[in-house]
Amino acid sequence: MEQLIYYIEQTTMASQQMEIIAKVLEQSAKLVEEQVDAQISKLNEMDDDDFERLKERRLEALRKAQKQKEEWLSKGHGEYREIANEKDFFSEVKDTPNVVCHFYKNTTFRCRILDKHLAILAKKHVETKFIKLNAEKAPFLVERLRIKVIPTLALVIDGKTKDYVVGFSDLGNTDEFSTEMLEWRLGCGNVIDYRGNLMEPPTQSQKPRSKLTKLEKKTIRGKGDSDSDD
């Protein structure tokens, strides 16, 4: 008898929960419908002059965006390329507000893995400059930035190194990380215009055991990092 009563109570609660969910969905749909109706009504109230002004504003915004993109491309954005030396590094970061610089060595296999992903992201995120520099040719920078692990990505904003991606520890500790994972990590560093959810890395849903969350800003990295091939 007690089991029957318990079953009835649970069934009643489930039914009530379903009713609540149905009401919430109904209210949400009604709100969306009202918003759409308001937009349609606003458009219907526009005369030809209003449409022309709206069209002109849109075209002006597109022209500005295109002009900005052309300016970025003229400064070396849109491609992942190597710079020759430390002197070039300073001129590159002075020339643009957002720079990702990959400090690499030819003998480090993981650097080639990063190269593949960075080449893709350079084309996607034209707002940011993507460059690479042989660490062996930049001893002053390596010491100044306290780079202990290869590969290391220096995230430079407005001429100042604000963050680092050291080895693959921030990328799931695997050589098989995705381009989207690296993109998310760069988004956490505010060096690219990231449109996804910074609070949840893209691999979290694929690998439930991963407990990565939005990374806290770090200052000095590299000491004792097991990701290093050096």
C-alpha atoms as a PDB file:
ATOM      1  CA  MET A   1       0.000   0.000   0.000  1.00  0.00           C
ATOM      2  CA  GLU A   2       2.824   2.400   0.893  1.00  0.00           C
ATOM      3  CA  GLN A   3       4.526   1.654  -2.402  1.00  0.00           C
ATOM      4  CA  LEU A   4       1.304   2.419  -4.265  1.00  0.00           C
ATOM      5  CA  ILE A   5       0.918   5.750  -2.445  1.00  0.00           C
ATOM      6  CA  TYR A   6       4.569   6.585  -3.180  1.00  0.00           C
ATOM      7  CA  TYR A   7       4.071   5.741  -6.868  1.00  0.00           C
ATOM      8  CA  ILE A   8       0.964   7.953  -7.059  1.00  0.00           C
ATOM      9  CA  GLU A   9       2.802  10.847  -5.391  1.00  0.00           C
ATOM     10  CA  GLN A  10       5.758  10.538  -7.780  1.00  0.00           C
ATOM     11  CA  THR A  11       3.429  10.366 -10.771  1.00  0.00           C
ATOM     12  CA  THR A  12       1.579  13.456  -9.590  1.00  0.00           C
ATOM     13  CA  MET A  13       4.824  15.361  -9.081  1.00  0.00           C
ATOM     14  CA  ALA A  14       6.067  14.388 -12.537  1.00  0.00           C
ATOM     15  CA  SER A  15       2.769  15.521 -14.041  1.00  0.00           C
ATOM     16  CA  GLN A  16       2.995  18.860 -12.252  1.00  0.00           C
ATOM     17  CA  GLN A  17       6.570  19.344 -13.433  1.00  0.00           C
ATOM     18  CA  MET A  18       5.555  18.638 -17.012  1.00  0.00           C
ATOM     19  CA  GLU A  19       2.759  21.198 -16.730  1.00  0.00           C
ATOM     20  CA  ILE A  20       5.218  23.807 -15.421  1.00  0.00           C
ATOM     21  CA  ILE A  21       7.655  23.090 -18.265  1.00  0.00           C
ATOM     22  CA  ALA A  22       4.844  23.319 -20.803  1.00  0.00           C
ATOM     23  CA  LYS A  23       3.781  26.701 -19.408  1.00  0.00           C
ATOM     24  CA  VAL A  24       7.346  28.005 -19.498  1.00  0.00           C
ATOM     25  CA  LEU A  25       7.766  26.898 -23.112  1.00  0.00           C
ATOM     26  CA  GLU A  26       4.437  28.441 -24.029  1.00  0.00           C
ATOM     27  CA  GLN A  27       5.401  31.753 -22.423  1.00  0.00           C
ATOM     28  CA  SER A  28       8.800  31.712 -24.171  1.00  0.00           C
ATOM     29  CA  ALA A  29       7.193  31.043 -27.541  1.00  0.00           C
ATOM     30  CA  LYS A  30       4.700  33.833 -26.936  1.00  0.00           C
ATOM     31  CA  LEU A  31       7.501  36.257 -26.042  1.00  0.00           C
ATOM     32  CA  VAL A  32       9.443  35.404 -29.195  1.00  0.00           C
ATOM     33  CA  GLU A  33       6.287  35.765 -31.268  1.00  0.00           C
ATOM     34  CA  GLU A  34       5.614  39.197 -29.753  1.00  0.00           C
ATOM     35  CA  GLN A  35       9.166  40.313 -30.505  1.00  0.00           C
ATOM     36  CA  VAL A  36       8.888  39.149 -34.117  1.00  0.00           C
ATOM     37  CA  ASP A  37       5.527  40.880 -34.485  1.00  0.00           C
ATOM     38  CA  ALA A  38       7.026  44.090 -33.095  1.00  0.00           C
ATOM     39  CA  GLN A  39       9.864  43.965 -35.613  1.00  0.00           C
ATOM     40  CA  ILE A  40       7.454  43.315 -38.484  1.00  0.00           C
ATOM     41  CA  SER A  41       5.197  46.143 -37.309  1.00  0.00           C
ATOM     42  CA  LYS A  42       8.181  48.480 -37.152  1.00  0.00           C
ATOM     43  CA  LEU A  43       9.188  47.555 -40.688  1.00  0.00           C
ATOM     44  CA  ASN A  44       5.620  48.054 -41.932  1.00  0.00           C
ATOM     45  CA  GLU A  45       5.584  51.544 -40.472  1.00  0.00           C
ATOM     46  CA  MET A  46       8.713  52.541 -42.370  1.00  0.00           C
ATOM     47  CA  ASP A  47       8.370  54.628 -45.473  1.00  0.00           C
ATOM     48  CA  ASP A  48      10.748  54.637 -48.439  1.00  0.00           C
ATOM     49  CA  ASP A  49      13.005  57.260 -46.864  1.00  0.00           C
ATOM     50  CA  ASP A  50      13.345  55.174 -43.699  1.00  0.00           C
ATOM     51  CA  PHE A  51      14.302  52.135 -45.759  1.00  0.00           C
ATOM     52  CA  GLU A  52      16.887  54.131 -47.674  1.00  0.00           C
ATOM     53  CA  ARG A  53      18.437  55.435 -44.470  1.00  0.00           C
ATOM     54  CA  LEU A  54      18.511  51.922 -43.000  1.00  0.00           C
ATOM     55  CA  LYS A  55      20.084  50.587 -46.174  1.00  0.00           C
ATOM     56  CA  GLU A  56      22.687  53.369 -46.212  1.00  0.00           C
ATOM     57  CA  ARG A  57      23.660  52.703 -42.580  1.00  0.00           C
ATOM     58  CA  ARG A  58      24.084  49.035 -43.364  1.00  0.00           C
ATOM     59  CA  LEU A  59      26.220  49.771 -46.408  1.00  0.00           C
ATOM     60  CA  GLU A  60      28.339  52.216 -44.426  1.00  0.00           C
ATOM     61  CA  ALA A  61      28.938  49.581 -41.755  1.00  0.00           C
ATOM     62  CA  LEU A  62      29.984  47.098 -44.451  1.00  0.00           C
ATOM     63  CA  ARG A  63      32.327  49.643 -46.020  1.00  0.00           C
ATOM     64  CA  LYS A  64      33.989  50.330 -42.661  1.00  0.00           C
ATOM     65  CA  ALA A  65      34.375  46.609 -41.989  1.00  0.00           C
ATOM     66  CA  GLN A  66      35.930  46.075 -45.411  1.00  0.00           C
ATOM     67  CA  LYS A  67      38.280  49.020 -44.937  1.00  0.00           C
ATOM     68  CA  GLN A  68      39.356  47.663 -41.540  1.00  0.00           C
ATOM     69  CA  LYS A  69      39.990  44.235 -43.044  1.00  0.00           C
ATOM     70  CA  GLU A  70      42.096  45.723 -45.843  1.00  0.00           C
ATOM     71  CA  GLU A  71      44.130  47.645 -43.284  1.00  0.00           C
ATOM     72  CA  TRP A  72      44.756  44.472 -41.298  1.00  0.00           C
ATOM     73  CA  LEU A  73      45.797  42.557 -44.407  1.00  0.00           C
ATOM     74  CA  SER A  74      48.234  45.327 -45.354  1.00  0.00           C
ATOM     75  CA  LYS A  75      49.928  44.825 -41.962  1.00  0.00           C
ATOM     76  CA  GLY A  76      50.451  41.116 -42.432  1.00  0.00           C
ATOM     77  CA  HIS A  77      47.266  39.763 -40.904  1.00  0.00           C
ATOM     78  CA  GLY A  78      45.415  36.844 -42.461  1.00  0.00           C
ATOM     79  CA  GLU A  79      48.440  34.563 -42.772  1.00  0.00           C
ATOM     80  CA  TYR A  80      50.699  32.699 -40.378  1.00  0.00           C
ATOM     81  CA  ARG A  81      54.276  33.672 -41.126  1.00  0.00           C
ATOM     82  CA  GLU A  82      57.759  33.520 -39.673  1.00  0.00           C
ATOM     83  CA  ILE A  83      59.759  36.572 -38.652  1.00  0.00           C
ATOM     84  CA  ALA A  84      63.524  36.614 -38.822  1.00  0.00           C
ATOM     85  CA  ASN A  85      64.696  38.020 -35.513  1.00  0.00           C
ATOM     86  CA  GLU A  86      63.973  39.890 -32.303  1.00  0.00           C
ATOM     87  CA  LYS A  87      64.069  43.271 -34.003  1.00  0.00           C
ATOM     88  CA  ASP A  88      61.241  42.198 -36.280  1.00  0.00           C
ATOM     89  CA  PHE A  89      59.250  41.045 -33.254  1.00  0.00           C
ATOM     90  CA  PHE A  90      59.192  44.515 -31.747  1.00  0.00           C
ATOM     91  CA  SER A  91      58.179  46.146 -35.025  1.00  0.00           C
ATOM     92  CA  GLU A  92      55.420  43.571 -35.587  1.00  0.00           C
ATOM     93  CA  VAL A  93      53.814  43.998 -32.158  1.00  0.00           C
ATOM     94  CA  LYS A  94      54.116  47.783 -32.376  1.00  0.00           C
ATOM     95  CA  ASP A  95      52.257  47.750 -35.663  1.00  0.00           C
ATOM     96  CA  THR A  96      49.062  46.047 -34.454  1.00  0.00           C
ATOM     97  CA  PRO A  97      47.101  45.697 -31.174  1.00  0.00           C
ATOM     98  CA  ASN A  98      46.658  41.895 -31.149  1.00  0.00           C
ATOM     99  CA  VAL A  99      49.499  39.455 -31.835  1.00  0.00           C
ATOM    100  CA  VAL A 100      50.028  35.740 -31.241  1.00  0.00           C
ATOM    101  CA  CYS A 101      53.729  34.833 -31.425  1.00  0.00           C
ATOM    102  CA  HIS A 102      54.821  31.195 -31.464  1.00  0.00           C
ATOM    103  CA  PHE A 103      58.295  30.645 -29.997  1.00  0.00           C
ATOM    104  CA  TYR A 104      59.491  27.400 -31.544  1.00  0.00           C
ATOM    105  CA  LYS A 105      62.494  25.186 -32.246  1.00  0.00           C
ATOM    106  CA  ASN A 106      63.042  23.052 -35.330  1.00  0.00           C
ATOM    107  CA  THR A 107      63.895  20.068 -33.152  1.00  0.00           C
ATOM    108  CA  THR A 108      60.596  20.161 -31.236  1.00  0.00           C
ATOM    109  CA  PHE A 109      57.874  18.050 -32.835  1.00  0.00           C
ATOM    110  CA  ARG A 110      55.025  19.737 -30.979  1.00  0.00           C
ATOM    111  CA  CYS A 111      55.869  23.039 -32.641  1.00  0.00           C
ATOM    112  CA  ARG A 112      54.809  21.547 -35.970  1.00  0.00           C
ATOM    113  CA  ILE A 113      51.480  20.545 -34.434  1.00  0.00           C
ATOM    114  CA  LEU A 114      50.889  24.161 -33.379  1.00  0.00           C
ATOM    115  CA  ASP A 115      51.913  25.394 -36.837  1.00  0.00           C
ATOM    116  CA  LYS A 116      49.034  23.488 -38.407  1.00  0.00           C
ATOM    117  CA  HIS A 117      46.415  24.986 -36.091  1.00  0.00           C
ATOM    118  CA  LEU A 118      47.815  28.512 -36.143  1.00  0.00           C
ATOM    119  CA  ALA A 119      47.783  28.590 -39.942  1.00  0.00           C
ATOM    120  CA  ILE A 120      44.050  27.862 -39.857  1.00  0.00           C
ATOM    121  CA  LEU A 121      43.296  30.442 -37.167  1.00  0.00           C
ATOM    122  CA  ALA A 122      45.322  33.150 -38.915  1.00  0.00           C
ATOM    123  CA  LYS A 123      42.942  32.984 -41.866  1.00  0.00           C
ATOM    124  CA  LYS A 124      39.855  32.888 -39.657  1.00  0.00           C
ATOM    125  CA  HIS A 125      40.837  35.678 -37.240  1.00  0.00           C
ATOM    126  CA  VAL A 126      42.091  38.447 -39.485  1.00  0.00           C
ATOM    127  CA  GLU A 127      41.783  40.882 -36.570  1.00  0.00           C
ATOM    128  CA  THR A 128      44.866  39.259 -35.006  1.00  0.00           C
ATOM    129  CA  LYS A 129      48.404  38.881 -36.329  1.00  0.00           C
ATOM    130  CA  PHE A 130      49.889  35.363 -36.137  1.00  0.00           C
ATOM    131  CA  ILE A 131      53.678  35.036 -36.294  1.00  0.00           C
ATOM    132  CA  LYS A 132      56.405  32.579 -35.290  1.00  0.00           C
ATOM    133  CA  LEU A 133      59.969  33.144 -34.110  1.00  0.00           C
ATOM    134  CA  ASN A 134      62.787  30.660 -33.706  1.00  0.00           C
ATOM    135  CA  ALA A 135      63.647  30.759 -29.999  1.00  0.00           C
ATOM    136  CA  GLU A 136      67.287  29.998 -30.743  1.00  0.00           C
ATOM    137  CA  LYS A 137      67.500  33.244 -32.713  1.00  0.00           C
ATOM    138  CA  ALA A 138      65.857  35.299 -29.969  1.00  0.00           C
ATOM    139  CA  PRO A 139      67.861  34.733 -26.746  1.00  0.00           C
ATOM    140  CA  PHE A 140      67.103  38.219 -25.405  1.00  0.00           C
ATOM    141  CA  LEU A 141      63.344  37.814 -25.841  1.00  0.00           C
ATOM    142  CA  VAL A 142      63.348  34.286 -24.470  1.00  0.00           C
ATOM    143  CA  GLU A 143      65.109  35.502 -21.327  1.00  0.00           C
ATOM    144  CA  ARG A 144      63.038  38.668 -21.012  1.00  0.00           C
ATOM    145  CA  LEU A 145      59.732  36.817 -21.379  1.00  0.00           C
ATOM    146  CA  ARG A 146      61.024  33.981 -19.162  1.00  0.00           C
ATOM    147  CA  ILE A 147      60.198  31.334 -21.701  1.00  0.00           C
ATOM    148  CA  LYS A 148      61.257  27.958 -20.315  1.00  0.00           C
ATOM    149  CA  VAL A 149      59.118  25.606 -22.380  1.00  0.00           C
ATOM    150  CA  ILE A 150      58.996  25.087 -26.136  1.00  0.00           C
ATOM    151  CA  PRO A 151      56.520  25.550 -27.709  1.00  0.00           C
ATOM    152  CA  THR A 152      55.185  28.689 -26.056  1.00  0.00           C
ATOM    153  CA  LEU A 153      52.676  31.150 -27.477  1.00  0.00           C
ATOM    154  CA  ALA A 154      53.028  34.743 -26.322  1.00  0.00           C
ATOM    155  CA  LEU A 155      49.745  36.671 -26.469  1.00  0.00           C
ATOM    156  CA  VAL A 156      50.578  40.324 -27.029  1.00  0.00           C
ATOM    157  CA  ILE A 157      47.952  43.057 -26.636  1.00  0.00           C
ATOM    158  CA  ASP A 158      48.775  46.712 -27.304  1.00  0.00           C
ATOM    159  CA  GLY A 159      52.476  45.970 -27.342  1.00  0.00           C
ATOM    160  CA  LYS A 160      52.524  44.134 -24.002  1.00  0.00           C
ATOM    161  CA  THR A 161      52.680  40.392 -23.409  1.00  0.00           C
ATOM    162  CA  LYS A 162      49.532  39.697 -21.402  1.00  0.00           C
ATOM    163  CA  ASP A 163      49.344  35.908 -21.389  1.00  0.00           C
ATOM    164  CA  TYR A 164      51.108  32.704 -22.448  1.00  0.00           C
ATOM    165  CA  VAL A 165      50.061  29.307 -23.735  1.00  0.00           C
ATOM    166  CA  VAL A 166      52.828  27.025 -22.466  1.00  0.00           C
ATOM    167  CA  GLY A 167      53.148  23.627 -24.083  1.00  0.00           C
ATOM    168  CA  PHE A 168      49.838  21.786 -24.360  1.00  0.00           C
ATOM    169  CA  SER A 169      48.838  21.864 -20.688  1.00  0.00           C
ATOM    170  CA  ASP A 170      46.066  24.393 -21.378  1.00  0.00           C
ATOM    171  CA  LEU A 171      44.886  22.398 -24.398  1.00  0.00           C
ATOM    172  CA  GLY A 172      43.938  19.163 -22.696  1.00  0.00           C
ATOM    173  CA  ASN A 173      47.473  17.760 -22.268  1.00  0.00           C
ATOM    174  CA  THR A 174      47.250  15.919 -25.568  1.00  0.00           C
ATOM    175  CA  ASP A 175      48.840  16.206 -28.997  1.00  0.00           C
ATOM    176  CA  GLU A 176      45.394  15.550 -30.486  1.00  0.00           C
ATOM    177  CA  PHE A 177      43.760  18.793 -29.385  1.00  0.00           C
ATOM    178  CA  SER A 178      41.469  20.482 -31.913  1.00  0.00           C
ATOM    179  CA  THR A 179      41.849  23.827 -33.626  1.00  0.00           C
ATOM    180  CA  GLU A 180      38.684  24.873 -31.802  1.00  0.00           C
ATOM    181  CA  MET A 181      40.365  24.111 -28.475  1.00  0.00           C
ATOM    182  CA  LEU A 182      43.291  26.382 -29.285  1.00  0.00           C
ATOM    183  CA  GLU A 183      40.877  29.024 -30.552  1.00  0.00           C
ATOM    184  CA  TRP A 184      39.004  28.903 -27.239  1.00  0.00           C
ATOM    185  CA  ARG A 185      42.253  29.251 -25.302  1.00  0.00           C
ATOM    186  CA  LEU A 186      43.268  32.308 -27.332  1.00  0.00           C
ATOM    187  CA  GLY A 187      39.793  33.706 -26.718  1.00  0.00           C
ATOM    188  CA  CYS A 188      40.369  33.324 -22.978  1.00  0.00           C
ATOM    189  CA  GLY A 189      43.447  35.489 -23.474  1.00  0.00           C
ATOM    190  CA  ASN A 190      41.361  38.179 -25.229  1.00  0.00           C
ATOM    191  CA  VAL A 191      43.756  38.211 -28.164  1.00  0.00           C
ATOM    192  CA  ILE A 192      41.128  37.181 -30.725  1.00  0.00           C
ATOM    193  CA  ASP A 193      37.463  38.004 -31.240  1.00  0.00           C
ATOM    194  CA  TYR A 194      36.012  34.757 -29.890  1.00  0.00           C
ATOM    195  CA  ARG A 195      32.279  34.224 -30.417  1.00  0.00           C
ATOM    196  CA  GLY A 196      31.844  31.059 -28.375  1.00  0.00           C
ATOM    197  CA  ASN A 197      31.342  30.356 -24.676  1.00  0.00           C
ATOM    198  CA  LEU A 198      34.532  31.156 -22.757  1.00  0.00           C
ATOM    199  CA  MET A 199      33.243  29.345 -19.674  1.00  0.00           C
ATOM    200  CA  GLU A 200      33.208  25.969 -21.437  1.00  0.00           C
ATOM    201  CA  PRO A 201      35.972  24.640 -23.709  1.00  0.00           C
ATOM    202  CA  PRO A 202      34.721  23.029 -26.934  1.00  0.00           C
ATOM    203  CA  THR A 203      36.050  19.559 -26.019  1.00  0.00           C
ATOM    204  CA  GLN A 204      34.241  19.403 -22.683  1.00  0.00           C
ATOM    205  CA  SER A 205      31.109  17.841 -24.149  1.00  0.00           C
ATOM    206  CA  GLN A 206      33.210  15.299 -26.091  1.00  0.00           C
ATOM    207  CA  LYS A 207      35.414  14.372 -23.119  1.00  0.00           C
ATOM    208  CA  PRO A 208      33.376  14.431 -19.884  1.00  0.00           C
ATOM    209  CA  ARG A 209      36.488  13.738 -17.795  1.00  0.00           C
ATOM    210  CA  SER A 210      37.965  17.075 -18.797  1.00  0.00           C
ATOM    211  CA  LYS A 211      37.424  19.661 -16.078  1.00  0.00           C
ATOM    212  CA  LEU A 212      38.858  22.664 -17.859  1.00  0.00           C
ATOM    213  CA  THR A 213      37.148  25.943 -17.137  1.00  0.00           C
ATOM    214  CA  LYS A 214      37.917  29.507 -18.118  1.00  0.00           C
ATOM    215  CA  LEU A 215      41.583  29.982 -17.401  1.00  0.00           C
ATOM    216  CA  GLU A 216      42.747  32.486 -14.880  1.00  0.00           C
ATOM    217  CA  LYS A 217      45.321  34.967 -16.063  1.00  0.00           C
ATOM    218  CA  LYS A 218      48.836  33.717 -15.464  1.00  0.00           C
ATOM    219  CA  THR A 219      51.998  35.720 -15.116  1.00  0.00           C
ATOM    220  CA  ILE A 220      55.218  33.714 -15.240  1.00  0.00           C
ATOM    221  CA  ARG A 221      55.037  30.228 -16.748  1.00  0.00           C
ATOM    222  CA  GLY A 222      57.265  27.460 -17.831  1.00  0.00           C
ATOM    223  CA  LYS A 223      59.183  26.198 -14.820  1.00  0.00           C
ATOM    224  CA  GLY A 224      58.914  22.448 -14.525  1.00  0.00           C
ATOM    225  CA  ASP A 225      56.239  22.097 -17.203  1.00  0.00           C
ATOM    226  CA  SER A 226      56.145  18.462 -18.333  1.00  0.00           C
ATOM    227  CA  ASP A 227      54.951  19.394 -21.834  1.00  0.00           C
ATOM    228  CA  SER A 228      58.397  20.598 -22.865  1.00  0.00           C
ATOM    229  CA  ASP A 229      60.405  18.625 -25.397  1.00  0.00           C
ATOM    230  CA  ASP A 230      63.467  20.587 -24.278  1.00  0.00           C
END
